[in-house]
């Protein structure tokens, strides 16, 4: 049974029946939902800034065959970004017990377990950056994306010459 929402606010995240899908599409196209998962479905380009790469796009990479060491097949949207400056937001997973980190993993969500690899290699980006202090807060990093088609480490992505993105 569907309730009509006349004279009341719609639940958060739902367009009101009066405005419908066209208003929602206008919000999305106008950038008012920038930073939300819906707006980050792919690599969103912003004028004067590197495109933001969504974790859902990164997760689409798969080994081309089931054999160990098989090359990785990347979606065409990622192939276009190979070697280009991009921005990725995620949580830091330190690789060394140091005060400042220059090499770490970036993942979509904070880790529940220090030694677990949740979601597989498509859910991690190796970052090489200026020295950064670890915090539990998300990091927005800008750097040159390198697609690792057949890397011995088993990783799929590397972000080189990266730095904290300007807000």
N, C-alpha and C. Protein backbone atom coordinates (compact mmCIF):
# COMPACT_ATOMS: atom_id res chain seq x y z
N UNK A 1 0.84 -1.17 0.00
CA UNK A 1 0.00 0.00 0.00
C UNK A 1 0.89 1.23 0.00
N UNK A 2 0.64 2.13 -0.88
CA UNK A 2 1.46 3.33 -1.03
C UNK A 2 0.78 4.50 -0.35
N UNK A 3 1.53 5.21 0.51
CA UNK A 3 0.99 6.37 1.21
C UNK A 3 1.25 7.62 0.39
N UNK A 4 0.31 8.50 0.38
CA UNK A 4 0.51 9.79 -0.28
C UNK A 4 1.06 10.76 0.75
N UNK A 5 1.99 11.59 0.33
CA UNK A 5 2.66 12.52 1.23
C UNK A 5 2.23 13.94 0.94
N UNK A 6 0.97 14.21 1.08
CA UNK A 6 0.46 15.56 0.80
C UNK A 6 0.54 16.38 2.07
N UNK A 7 1.20 17.53 1.97
CA UNK A 7 1.31 18.42 3.11
C UNK A 7 2.34 18.00 4.13
N UNK A 8 3.08 16.94 3.88
CA UNK A 8 4.12 16.50 4.80
C UNK A 8 5.43 16.33 4.02
N UNK A 9 6.51 16.39 4.75
CA UNK A 9 7.81 16.19 4.12
C UNK A 9 8.01 14.73 3.78
N UNK A 10 8.66 14.50 2.67
CA UNK A 10 8.98 13.13 2.27
C UNK A 10 10.12 12.61 3.13
N UNK A 11 10.24 11.30 3.29
CA UNK A 11 11.37 10.73 4.03
C UNK A 11 12.68 11.18 3.38
N UNK A 12 13.71 11.28 4.21
CA UNK A 12 15.01 11.73 3.74
C UNK A 12 15.50 10.88 2.58
N UNK A 13 15.93 11.53 1.52
CA UNK A 13 16.46 10.82 0.36
C UNK A 13 15.41 10.47 -0.68
N UNK A 14 14.13 10.78 -0.40
CA UNK A 14 13.07 10.48 -1.36
C UNK A 14 12.50 11.78 -1.90
N UNK A 15 12.40 11.93 -3.22
CA UNK A 15 11.75 13.12 -3.76
C UNK A 15 10.26 13.10 -3.41
N UNK A 16 9.68 14.25 -3.26
CA UNK A 16 8.26 14.29 -2.97
C UNK A 16 7.49 13.89 -4.22
N UNK A 17 6.28 13.34 -4.06
CA UNK A 17 5.51 12.94 -5.22
C UNK A 17 5.25 14.10 -6.18
N UNK A 18 5.13 15.31 -5.63
CA UNK A 18 4.84 16.47 -6.46
C UNK A 18 5.98 16.75 -7.44
N UNK A 19 7.20 16.52 -7.01
CA UNK A 19 8.34 16.84 -7.85
C UNK A 19 8.80 15.66 -8.69
N UNK A 20 8.67 14.47 -8.18
CA UNK A 20 8.95 13.28 -8.94
C UNK A 20 10.38 13.13 -9.42
N UNK A 21 10.53 12.31 -10.43
CA UNK A 21 11.85 11.95 -10.93
C UNK A 21 12.57 13.09 -11.62
N UNK A 22 11.83 13.98 -12.26
CA UNK A 22 12.49 15.09 -12.97
C UNK A 22 13.25 15.99 -12.00
N UNK A 23 12.69 16.27 -10.86
CA UNK A 23 13.36 17.11 -9.86
C UNK A 23 14.59 16.40 -9.31
N UNK A 24 14.46 15.10 -9.09
CA UNK A 24 15.59 14.33 -8.59
C UNK A 24 16.72 14.33 -9.62
N UNK A 25 16.38 14.14 -10.89
CA UNK A 25 17.39 14.16 -11.96
C UNK A 25 18.05 15.54 -12.04
N UNK A 26 17.28 16.60 -11.84
CA UNK A 26 17.85 17.95 -11.88
C UNK A 26 18.82 18.15 -10.72
N UNK A 27 18.48 17.64 -9.54
CA UNK A 27 19.39 17.72 -8.41
C UNK A 27 20.70 17.00 -8.70
N UNK A 28 20.59 15.81 -9.27
CA UNK A 28 21.77 15.03 -9.59
C UNK A 28 22.61 15.73 -10.66
N UNK A 29 21.98 16.20 -11.72
CA UNK A 29 22.70 16.87 -12.80
C UNK A 29 23.29 18.19 -12.33
N UNK A 30 22.62 18.87 -11.43
CA UNK A 30 23.08 20.16 -10.95
C UNK A 30 24.19 20.07 -9.92
N UNK A 31 24.56 18.88 -9.53
CA UNK A 31 25.65 18.72 -8.60
C UNK A 31 25.25 18.92 -7.15
N UNK A 32 23.96 19.04 -6.87
CA UNK A 32 23.53 19.24 -5.49
C UNK A 32 23.71 17.99 -4.66
N UNK A 33 23.83 16.85 -5.33
CA UNK A 33 24.05 15.60 -4.61
C UNK A 33 25.49 15.17 -4.70
N UNK A 34 26.38 16.07 -5.07
CA UNK A 34 27.80 15.72 -5.21
C UNK A 34 28.31 15.16 -3.90
N UNK A 35 29.10 14.11 -3.99
CA UNK A 35 29.65 13.49 -2.80
C UNK A 35 28.80 12.34 -2.29
N UNK A 36 27.58 12.19 -2.81
CA UNK A 36 26.75 11.08 -2.39
C UNK A 36 27.04 9.88 -3.28
N UNK A 37 26.72 8.67 -2.83
CA UNK A 37 26.99 7.48 -3.65
C UNK A 37 26.32 7.55 -5.02
N UNK A 38 25.13 8.17 -5.12
CA UNK A 38 24.47 8.26 -6.42
C UNK A 38 25.27 9.11 -7.39
N UNK A 39 25.87 10.17 -6.92
CA UNK A 39 26.63 11.05 -7.80
C UNK A 39 27.99 10.45 -8.13
N UNK A 40 28.44 9.47 -7.37
CA UNK A 40 29.76 8.89 -7.58
C UNK A 40 29.69 7.55 -8.30
N UNK A 41 28.70 7.36 -9.15
CA UNK A 41 28.55 6.08 -9.82
C UNK A 41 29.70 5.78 -10.78
N UNK A 42 30.38 6.77 -11.24
CA UNK A 42 31.52 6.59 -12.13
C UNK A 42 32.57 7.63 -11.81
N UNK A 43 33.33 8.02 -12.79
CA UNK A 43 34.35 9.04 -12.59
C UNK A 43 33.72 10.38 -12.91
N UNK A 44 33.44 11.15 -11.90
CA UNK A 44 32.78 12.44 -12.08
C UNK A 44 33.82 13.52 -12.35
N UNK A 45 33.65 14.23 -13.45
CA UNK A 45 34.58 15.30 -13.80
C UNK A 45 34.07 16.63 -13.26
N UNK A 46 34.96 17.41 -12.70
CA UNK A 46 34.63 18.74 -12.21
C UNK A 46 35.58 19.70 -12.92
N UNK A 47 35.10 20.85 -13.34
CA UNK A 47 35.95 21.78 -14.06
C UNK A 47 37.18 22.18 -13.23
N UNK A 48 38.36 22.05 -13.82
CA UNK A 48 39.59 22.46 -13.16
C UNK A 48 40.12 21.49 -12.12
N UNK A 49 39.41 20.39 -11.86
CA UNK A 49 39.85 19.41 -10.86
C UNK A 49 39.92 18.04 -11.50
N UNK A 50 40.81 17.17 -10.99
CA UNK A 50 40.85 15.80 -11.51
C UNK A 50 39.54 15.08 -11.23
N UNK A 51 39.16 14.12 -12.08
CA UNK A 51 37.91 13.39 -11.85
C UNK A 51 37.97 12.58 -10.57
N UNK A 52 36.85 12.50 -9.89
CA UNK A 52 36.73 11.68 -8.68
C UNK A 52 36.33 10.27 -9.10
N UNK A 53 37.09 9.28 -8.64
CA UNK A 53 36.82 7.89 -8.99
C UNK A 53 36.03 7.24 -7.86
N UNK A 54 34.92 6.61 -8.23
CA UNK A 54 34.05 5.96 -7.25
C UNK A 54 34.53 4.54 -6.97
N UNK A 55 34.31 4.09 -5.76
CA UNK A 55 34.70 2.73 -5.37
C UNK A 55 33.92 1.69 -6.15
N UNK A 56 32.68 1.99 -6.51
CA UNK A 56 31.90 1.04 -7.30
C UNK A 56 32.54 0.79 -8.67
N UNK A 57 33.14 1.82 -9.24
CA UNK A 57 33.83 1.66 -10.52
C UNK A 57 35.09 0.82 -10.33
N UNK A 58 35.84 1.08 -9.27
CA UNK A 58 37.06 0.30 -9.00
C UNK A 58 36.73 -1.18 -8.78
N UNK A 59 35.59 -1.46 -8.17
CA UNK A 59 35.20 -2.84 -7.85
C UNK A 59 34.85 -3.66 -9.08
N UNK A 60 34.71 -3.02 -10.24
CA UNK A 60 34.34 -3.75 -11.46
C UNK A 60 35.51 -4.49 -12.10
N UNK A 61 36.73 -4.24 -11.66
CA UNK A 61 37.90 -4.93 -12.23
C UNK A 61 37.87 -6.40 -11.82
N UNK A 62 38.23 -7.26 -12.75
CA UNK A 62 38.23 -8.70 -12.50
C UNK A 62 39.41 -9.35 -13.21
N UNK A 63 39.92 -10.46 -12.68
CA UNK A 63 40.94 -11.21 -13.43
C UNK A 63 40.35 -11.71 -14.76
N UNK A 64 41.15 -11.66 -15.82
CA UNK A 64 40.67 -12.08 -17.14
C UNK A 64 40.45 -13.59 -17.20
N UNK A 65 41.12 -14.34 -16.34
CA UNK A 65 40.96 -15.81 -16.28
C UNK A 65 41.04 -16.24 -14.82
N UNK A 66 40.67 -17.47 -14.54
CA UNK A 66 40.70 -17.96 -13.16
C UNK A 66 42.07 -18.44 -12.73
N UNK A 67 43.03 -18.44 -13.63
CA UNK A 67 44.38 -18.91 -13.31
C UNK A 67 45.09 -17.90 -12.42
N UNK A 68 45.91 -18.40 -11.52
CA UNK A 68 46.70 -17.55 -10.64
C UNK A 68 47.66 -16.70 -11.48
N UNK A 69 47.70 -15.40 -11.23
CA UNK A 69 48.58 -14.51 -11.97
C UNK A 69 48.02 -14.04 -13.30
N UNK A 70 46.73 -14.29 -13.55
CA UNK A 70 46.11 -13.85 -14.80
C UNK A 70 46.04 -12.33 -14.84
N UNK A 71 46.14 -11.74 -16.03
CA UNK A 71 46.03 -10.28 -16.13
C UNK A 71 44.64 -9.81 -15.70
N UNK A 72 44.56 -8.55 -15.30
CA UNK A 72 43.31 -7.98 -14.80
C UNK A 72 42.59 -7.27 -15.94
N UNK A 73 41.28 -7.49 -16.03
CA UNK A 73 40.44 -6.80 -17.01
C UNK A 73 39.76 -5.63 -16.31
N UNK A 74 40.00 -4.42 -16.80
CA UNK A 74 39.42 -3.21 -16.22
C UNK A 74 38.29 -2.71 -17.11
N UNK A 75 37.27 -2.09 -16.52
CA UNK A 75 36.20 -1.51 -17.34
C UNK A 75 36.75 -0.35 -18.18
N UNK A 76 36.15 -0.08 -19.33
CA UNK A 76 36.65 0.98 -20.22
C UNK A 76 36.78 2.34 -19.54
N UNK A 77 35.87 2.67 -18.63
CA UNK A 77 35.95 3.97 -17.94
C UNK A 77 37.24 4.09 -17.13
N UNK A 78 37.72 2.98 -16.57
CA UNK A 78 38.98 3.00 -15.82
C UNK A 78 40.18 3.01 -16.76
N UNK A 79 40.09 2.31 -17.87
CA UNK A 79 41.18 2.32 -18.85
C UNK A 79 41.50 3.73 -19.30
N UNK A 80 40.47 4.56 -19.44
CA UNK A 80 40.66 5.95 -19.86
C UNK A 80 41.39 6.77 -18.81
N UNK A 81 41.34 6.35 -17.55
CA UNK A 81 41.97 7.11 -16.46
C UNK A 81 43.39 6.65 -16.14
N UNK A 82 43.84 5.58 -16.76
CA UNK A 82 45.18 5.05 -16.49
C UNK A 82 46.24 6.10 -16.82
N UNK A 83 47.05 6.44 -15.82
CA UNK A 83 48.12 7.43 -16.00
C UNK A 83 47.68 8.87 -15.82
N UNK A 84 46.40 9.11 -15.54
CA UNK A 84 45.88 10.47 -15.38
C UNK A 84 45.73 10.83 -13.90
N UNK A 85 45.66 12.12 -13.63
CA UNK A 85 45.40 12.61 -12.27
C UNK A 85 43.94 12.35 -11.92
N UNK A 86 43.70 11.74 -10.75
CA UNK A 86 42.36 11.46 -10.27
C UNK A 86 42.29 11.77 -8.78
N UNK A 87 41.10 11.79 -8.25
CA UNK A 87 40.86 11.98 -6.81
C UNK A 87 40.08 10.79 -6.29
N UNK A 88 40.52 10.25 -5.15
CA UNK A 88 39.85 9.12 -4.51
C UNK A 88 39.72 9.42 -3.02
N UNK A 89 38.55 9.15 -2.46
CA UNK A 89 38.33 9.34 -1.03
C UNK A 89 38.16 7.99 -0.36
N UNK A 90 38.86 7.80 0.75
CA UNK A 90 38.75 6.54 1.47
C UNK A 90 39.45 6.58 2.81
N UNK A 91 39.51 5.45 3.45
CA UNK A 91 40.13 5.31 4.77
C UNK A 91 41.54 4.74 4.62
N UNK A 92 42.45 5.24 5.43
CA UNK A 92 43.84 4.80 5.38
C UNK A 92 44.02 3.48 6.13
N UNK A 93 44.77 2.57 5.49
CA UNK A 93 45.20 1.33 6.13
C UNK A 93 46.73 1.40 6.15
N UNK A 94 47.35 1.75 7.29
CA UNK A 94 48.81 1.87 7.33
C UNK A 94 49.48 0.51 7.06
N UNK A 95 50.62 0.56 6.40
CA UNK A 95 51.38 -0.66 6.11
C UNK A 95 52.57 -0.81 7.04
N UNK A 96 52.92 0.25 7.75
CA UNK A 96 54.04 0.21 8.68
C UNK A 96 53.64 0.89 9.98
N UNK A 97 54.26 0.48 11.07
CA UNK A 97 53.99 1.10 12.37
C UNK A 97 54.88 2.33 12.52
N UNK A 98 54.48 3.40 11.87
CA UNK A 98 55.25 4.65 11.91
C UNK A 98 54.31 5.81 12.19
N UNK A 99 54.89 6.91 12.69
CA UNK A 99 54.10 8.10 12.98
C UNK A 99 53.58 8.73 11.70
N UNK A 100 54.43 8.81 10.67
CA UNK A 100 54.02 9.37 9.39
C UNK A 100 54.01 8.27 8.33
N UNK A 101 53.00 8.29 7.49
CA UNK A 101 52.85 7.28 6.44
C UNK A 101 53.12 7.92 5.08
N UNK A 102 53.97 7.27 4.27
CA UNK A 102 54.19 7.71 2.90
C UNK A 102 53.72 6.64 1.90
N UNK A 103 53.49 5.44 2.39
CA UNK A 103 52.97 4.34 1.57
C UNK A 103 51.93 3.62 2.42
N UNK A 104 50.70 3.58 1.92
CA UNK A 104 49.60 2.97 2.65
C UNK A 104 48.53 2.52 1.66
N UNK A 105 47.54 1.82 2.17
CA UNK A 105 46.40 1.42 1.35
C UNK A 105 45.23 2.34 1.66
N UNK A 106 44.46 2.62 0.63
CA UNK A 106 43.23 3.38 0.79
C UNK A 106 42.10 2.42 0.48
N UNK A 107 41.08 2.40 1.32
CA UNK A 107 39.93 1.52 1.12
C UNK A 107 38.65 2.31 1.34
N UNK A 108 37.56 1.79 0.84
CA UNK A 108 36.29 2.51 0.89
C UNK A 108 35.82 2.75 2.33
N UNK A 109 35.96 1.75 3.18
CA UNK A 109 35.47 1.85 4.55
C UNK A 109 36.59 1.51 5.52
N UNK A 110 36.51 2.01 6.75
CA UNK A 110 37.52 1.65 7.74
C UNK A 110 37.56 0.14 7.96
N UNK A 111 38.74 -0.37 8.24
CA UNK A 111 38.93 -1.79 8.46
C UNK A 111 38.42 -2.20 9.84
N UNK A 112 37.76 -3.35 9.89
CA UNK A 112 37.33 -3.92 11.17
C UNK A 112 38.45 -4.78 11.76
N UNK A 113 39.31 -5.27 10.90
CA UNK A 113 40.34 -6.22 11.31
C UNK A 113 41.66 -5.81 10.64
N UNK A 114 42.73 -5.68 11.42
CA UNK A 114 44.01 -5.21 10.88
C UNK A 114 44.60 -6.13 9.83
N UNK A 115 44.39 -7.44 9.96
CA UNK A 115 45.03 -8.38 9.06
C UNK A 115 44.08 -8.95 8.00
N UNK A 116 42.85 -8.44 7.94
CA UNK A 116 41.87 -8.95 6.98
C UNK A 116 41.89 -8.12 5.71
N UNK A 117 41.67 -8.77 4.58
CA UNK A 117 41.52 -8.07 3.31
C UNK A 117 40.06 -8.24 2.92
N UNK A 118 39.27 -7.25 3.23
CA UNK A 118 37.83 -7.32 3.00
C UNK A 118 37.50 -6.87 1.59
N UNK A 119 36.79 -7.70 0.85
CA UNK A 119 36.31 -7.31 -0.47
C UNK A 119 37.26 -7.60 -1.61
N UNK A 120 38.46 -8.07 -1.35
CA UNK A 120 39.40 -8.42 -2.41
C UNK A 120 40.22 -7.23 -2.89
N UNK A 121 41.14 -7.48 -3.83
CA UNK A 121 42.09 -6.45 -4.24
C UNK A 121 41.48 -5.28 -5.00
N UNK A 122 40.29 -5.44 -5.56
CA UNK A 122 39.67 -4.31 -6.27
C UNK A 122 39.16 -3.25 -5.30
N UNK A 123 39.16 -3.54 -4.02
CA UNK A 123 38.68 -2.60 -3.00
C UNK A 123 39.81 -1.85 -2.29
N UNK A 124 41.02 -1.95 -2.83
CA UNK A 124 42.19 -1.29 -2.22
C UNK A 124 42.98 -0.54 -3.28
N UNK A 125 43.52 0.60 -2.89
CA UNK A 125 44.42 1.37 -3.75
C UNK A 125 45.69 1.61 -2.95
N UNK A 126 46.83 1.20 -3.49
CA UNK A 126 48.10 1.51 -2.84
C UNK A 126 48.41 2.97 -3.12
N UNK A 127 48.74 3.72 -2.07
CA UNK A 127 49.01 5.15 -2.20
C UNK A 127 50.46 5.43 -1.83
N UNK A 128 51.13 6.19 -2.65
CA UNK A 128 52.47 6.69 -2.35
C UNK A 128 52.36 8.20 -2.35
N UNK A 129 52.63 8.79 -1.18
CA UNK A 129 52.31 10.21 -1.02
C UNK A 129 53.34 10.93 -0.16
N UNK A 130 53.06 12.21 0.01
CA UNK A 130 53.78 13.02 0.97
C UNK A 130 53.51 12.43 2.35
N UNK A 131 54.36 12.67 3.34
CA UNK A 131 54.11 12.12 4.69
C UNK A 131 52.78 12.60 5.27
N UNK A 132 51.98 11.65 5.74
CA UNK A 132 50.69 11.95 6.36
C UNK A 132 50.59 11.26 7.70
N UNK A 133 49.91 11.89 8.64
CA UNK A 133 49.64 11.29 9.94
C UNK A 133 48.38 10.46 9.84
N UNK A 134 48.40 9.28 10.46
CA UNK A 134 47.22 8.43 10.45
C UNK A 134 46.14 9.03 11.32
N UNK A 135 44.92 8.98 10.83
CA UNK A 135 43.74 9.32 11.64
C UNK A 135 42.61 8.41 11.18
N UNK A 136 41.60 8.31 11.95
CA UNK A 136 40.46 7.48 11.58
C UNK A 136 39.53 8.17 10.60
N UNK A 137 39.85 9.40 10.20
CA UNK A 137 39.01 10.17 9.30
C UNK A 137 39.28 9.80 7.85
N UNK A 138 38.32 9.99 6.95
CA UNK A 138 38.55 9.73 5.53
C UNK A 138 39.57 10.71 4.94
N UNK A 139 40.32 10.23 3.97
CA UNK A 139 41.30 11.04 3.25
C UNK A 139 40.82 11.19 1.81
N UNK A 140 40.92 12.38 1.27
CA UNK A 140 40.67 12.61 -0.15
C UNK A 140 42.02 12.88 -0.77
N UNK A 141 42.47 11.92 -1.61
CA UNK A 141 43.81 11.98 -2.19
C UNK A 141 43.72 12.24 -3.69
N UNK A 142 44.63 13.06 -4.19
CA UNK A 142 44.77 13.31 -5.62
C UNK A 142 46.14 12.82 -6.05
N UNK A 143 46.19 12.08 -7.15
CA UNK A 143 47.45 11.56 -7.65
C UNK A 143 47.25 10.92 -9.01
N UNK A 144 48.33 10.35 -9.53
CA UNK A 144 48.29 9.71 -10.86
C UNK A 144 47.91 8.25 -10.68
N UNK A 145 46.79 7.85 -11.26
CA UNK A 145 46.28 6.49 -11.14
C UNK A 145 47.06 5.56 -12.07
N UNK A 146 47.52 4.46 -11.51
CA UNK A 146 48.21 3.44 -12.29
C UNK A 146 47.41 2.14 -12.16
N UNK A 147 46.97 1.60 -13.29
CA UNK A 147 46.27 0.32 -13.29
C UNK A 147 47.32 -0.78 -13.36
N UNK A 148 47.29 -1.68 -12.41
CA UNK A 148 48.29 -2.75 -12.31
C UNK A 148 47.71 -4.01 -12.95
N UNK A 149 48.02 -4.21 -14.20
CA UNK A 149 47.40 -5.29 -14.98
C UNK A 149 47.89 -6.67 -14.58
N UNK A 150 49.12 -6.77 -14.10
CA UNK A 150 49.66 -8.07 -13.72
C UNK A 150 50.79 -7.85 -12.71
N UNK A 151 50.44 -7.28 -11.57
CA UNK A 151 51.42 -6.93 -10.55
C UNK A 151 51.65 -8.11 -9.60
N UNK A 152 52.89 -8.33 -9.23
CA UNK A 152 53.24 -9.44 -8.33
C UNK A 152 52.63 -9.27 -6.95
N UNK A 153 52.33 -8.04 -6.54
CA UNK A 153 51.76 -7.80 -5.22
C UNK A 153 50.31 -8.27 -5.12
N UNK A 154 49.64 -8.44 -6.27
CA UNK A 154 48.23 -8.83 -6.26
C UNK A 154 47.29 -7.64 -6.22
N UNK A 155 47.84 -6.42 -6.11
CA UNK A 155 47.00 -5.23 -6.11
C UNK A 155 46.58 -4.87 -7.53
N UNK A 156 45.48 -4.12 -7.64
CA UNK A 156 44.98 -3.71 -8.95
C UNK A 156 45.29 -2.24 -9.24
N UNK A 157 45.46 -1.42 -8.17
CA UNK A 157 45.59 0.03 -8.36
C UNK A 157 46.72 0.61 -7.53
N UNK A 158 47.31 1.67 -8.06
CA UNK A 158 48.32 2.44 -7.32
C UNK A 158 48.07 3.91 -7.63
N UNK A 159 48.18 4.75 -6.62
CA UNK A 159 48.05 6.20 -6.76
C UNK A 159 49.41 6.80 -6.47
N UNK A 160 50.08 7.32 -7.51
CA UNK A 160 51.46 7.82 -7.39
C UNK A 160 51.48 9.32 -7.24
N UNK A 161 52.58 9.82 -6.62
CA UNK A 161 52.78 11.27 -6.45
C UNK A 161 51.53 11.93 -5.87
N UNK A 162 50.91 11.27 -4.91
CA UNK A 162 49.65 11.76 -4.39
C UNK A 162 49.84 12.75 -3.23
N UNK A 163 48.80 13.51 -3.03
CA UNK A 163 48.75 14.50 -1.96
C UNK A 163 47.30 14.66 -1.52
N UNK A 164 47.11 15.25 -0.36
CA UNK A 164 45.75 15.54 0.09
C UNK A 164 45.12 16.51 -0.88
N UNK A 165 43.90 16.23 -1.27
CA UNK A 165 43.19 17.10 -2.21
C UNK A 165 42.75 18.37 -1.51
N UNK A 166 42.81 19.47 -2.23
CA UNK A 166 42.35 20.74 -1.68
C UNK A 166 40.83 20.69 -1.57
N UNK A 167 40.30 21.25 -0.49
CA UNK A 167 38.85 21.22 -0.30
C UNK A 167 38.18 22.31 -1.07
